[in-house]
Amino acid sequence: MTDRYTIHSQLEHLQSKYMGTGHADTTKWERLVNQHRDSYCSYLGHFDLLNYFAIAENESKAPVRFNVMEKVLQPCGPPVDKPEENCGPAGPRSAAEHRNSSGVRPPRVP
């Protein structure tokens, strides 16, 4: 029991210390944003990578650095809204109601 508690407390500590570690409710978009931001910040921190990008794009270093800094703000575009699953105006539907909502009649059993 104590092992489970210590592992859980270690995960909580990591998640509070480092934003990009994620948790059970992390969406795909949030995970990708964290990965892209980590990559772009790494590019900014490594001078040789910026030089390589500048040569590859045939630009000077300043515009390349500026473009990478802009990408850090919203690397994957605006956040997507979470759709409510199986919720309509009347609330959650049962599996049978969901199956029958397509307009297909169930087969008759003699």
Protein backbone atom coordinates (compact mmCIF):
# COMPACT_ATOMS: atom_id res chain seq x y z
CA MET A 1 0.00 0.00 0.00
CA THR A 2 2.81 2.40 0.81
CA ASP A 3 4.44 1.77 -2.58
CA ARG A 4 1.27 2.85 -4.36
CA TYR A 5 1.09 5.97 -2.20
CA THR A 6 4.71 6.93 -2.82
CA ILE A 7 4.40 6.42 -6.59
CA HIS A 8 1.22 8.52 -6.63
CA SER A 9 2.85 11.29 -4.60
CA GLN A 10 5.91 11.23 -6.88
CA LEU A 11 3.68 11.63 -9.94
CA GLU A 12 1.84 14.52 -8.30
CA HIS A 13 5.17 16.15 -7.49
CA LEU A 14 6.37 15.80 -11.11
CA GLN A 15 3.10 17.16 -12.47
CA SER A 16 3.26 20.18 -10.18
CA LYS A 17 6.92 20.82 -10.98
CA TYR A 18 6.84 20.26 -14.75
CA MET A 19 3.82 21.38 -16.74
CA GLY A 20 4.32 19.04 -19.70
CA THR A 21 4.25 15.74 -17.82
CA GLY A 22 0.50 15.39 -18.29
CA HIS A 23 -2.11 13.44 -16.37
CA ALA A 24 -4.99 11.06 -17.05
CA ASP A 25 -7.25 13.80 -18.45
CA THR A 26 -4.68 15.33 -20.82
CA THR A 27 -6.13 15.63 -24.30
CA LYS A 28 -4.29 14.89 -27.52
CA TRP A 29 -4.20 18.60 -28.34
CA GLU A 30 -2.63 19.50 -24.96
CA ARG A 31 -0.02 16.77 -25.33
CA LEU A 32 0.91 17.94 -28.83
CA VAL A 33 1.11 21.58 -27.69
CA ASN A 34 3.52 20.58 -24.92
CA GLN A 35 5.67 18.57 -27.34
CA HIS A 36 5.81 21.36 -29.91
CA ARG A 37 6.60 24.01 -27.31
CA ASP A 38 9.40 21.87 -25.90
CA SER A 39 10.82 21.44 -29.39
CA TYR A 40 10.63 25.14 -30.27
CA CYS A 41 12.20 26.18 -26.96
CA SER A 42 14.98 23.68 -27.58
CA TYR A 43 15.56 25.21 -31.02
CA LEU A 44 15.81 28.66 -29.44
CA GLY A 45 18.27 27.42 -26.83
CA HIS A 46 20.60 25.70 -29.27
CA PHE A 47 22.30 28.35 -31.38
CA ASP A 48 23.62 25.88 -33.95
CA LEU A 49 20.11 24.62 -34.75
CA LEU A 50 18.96 28.19 -35.42
CA ASN A 51 21.94 28.65 -37.73
CA TYR A 52 21.02 25.46 -39.55
CA PHE A 53 17.39 26.58 -39.97
CA ALA A 54 18.51 30.00 -41.20
CA ILE A 55 20.76 28.44 -43.83
CA ALA A 56 18.06 25.96 -44.89
CA GLU A 57 15.46 28.73 -45.27
CA ASN A 58 17.96 31.17 -46.84
CA GLU A 59 17.10 33.78 -44.19
CA SER A 60 19.12 35.68 -41.64
CA LYS A 61 19.10 34.47 -38.04
CA ALA A 62 16.86 37.21 -36.60
CA PRO A 63 13.73 36.46 -38.68
CA VAL A 64 14.14 32.72 -38.05
CA ARG A 65 14.39 33.32 -34.29
CA PHE A 66 11.32 35.60 -34.43
CA ASN A 67 9.29 33.00 -36.37
CA VAL A 68 10.19 30.27 -33.89
CA MET A 69 9.23 32.55 -30.97
CA GLU A 70 5.86 33.20 -32.60
CA LYS A 71 5.28 29.47 -33.01
CA VAL A 72 5.86 28.95 -29.28
CA LEU A 73 2.69 30.93 -28.47
CA GLN A 74 0.23 28.70 -30.33
CA PRO A 75 2.13 25.84 -31.97
CA CYS A 76 -0.97 23.76 -32.83
CA GLY A 77 -3.53 26.49 -33.44
CA PRO A 78 -6.41 27.49 -31.18
CA PRO A 79 -7.73 24.96 -28.67
CA VAL A 80 -10.54 22.69 -29.76
CA ASP A 81 -13.80 22.48 -27.83
CA LYS A 82 -14.56 19.22 -26.10
CA PRO A 83 -17.80 17.71 -27.41
CA GLU A 84 -20.16 16.26 -24.84
CA GLU A 85 -20.42 12.51 -25.39
CA ASN A 86 -23.93 11.08 -25.79
CA CYS A 87 -25.54 14.20 -24.41
CA GLY A 88 -28.37 15.87 -26.19
CA PRO A 89 -31.14 18.13 -24.96
CA ALA A 90 -32.60 15.28 -22.89
CA GLY A 91 -29.27 14.13 -21.43
CA PRO A 92 -27.42 10.85 -21.95
CA ARG A 93 -29.11 8.22 -24.08
CA SER A 94 -29.12 4.50 -23.55
CA ALA A 95 -27.33 2.18 -25.97
CA ALA A 96 -30.65 1.01 -27.45
CA GLU A 97 -31.80 4.58 -28.09
CA HIS A 98 -28.45 5.37 -29.67
CA ARG A 99 -28.67 2.33 -31.96
CA ASN A 100 -32.21 3.14 -33.01
CA SER A 101 -31.55 6.83 -33.65
CA SER A 102 -30.08 6.08 -37.06
CA GLY A 103 -33.54 5.34 -38.44
CA VAL A 104 -32.90 1.65 -38.96
CA ARG A 105 -35.66 -0.49 -37.58
CA PRO A 106 -34.58 -3.47 -35.48
CA PRO A 107 -35.41 -6.88 -36.98
CA ARG A 108 -38.68 -8.46 -35.93
CA VAL A 109 -38.38 -11.55 -33.85
CA PRO A 110 -41.16 -14.12 -34.56
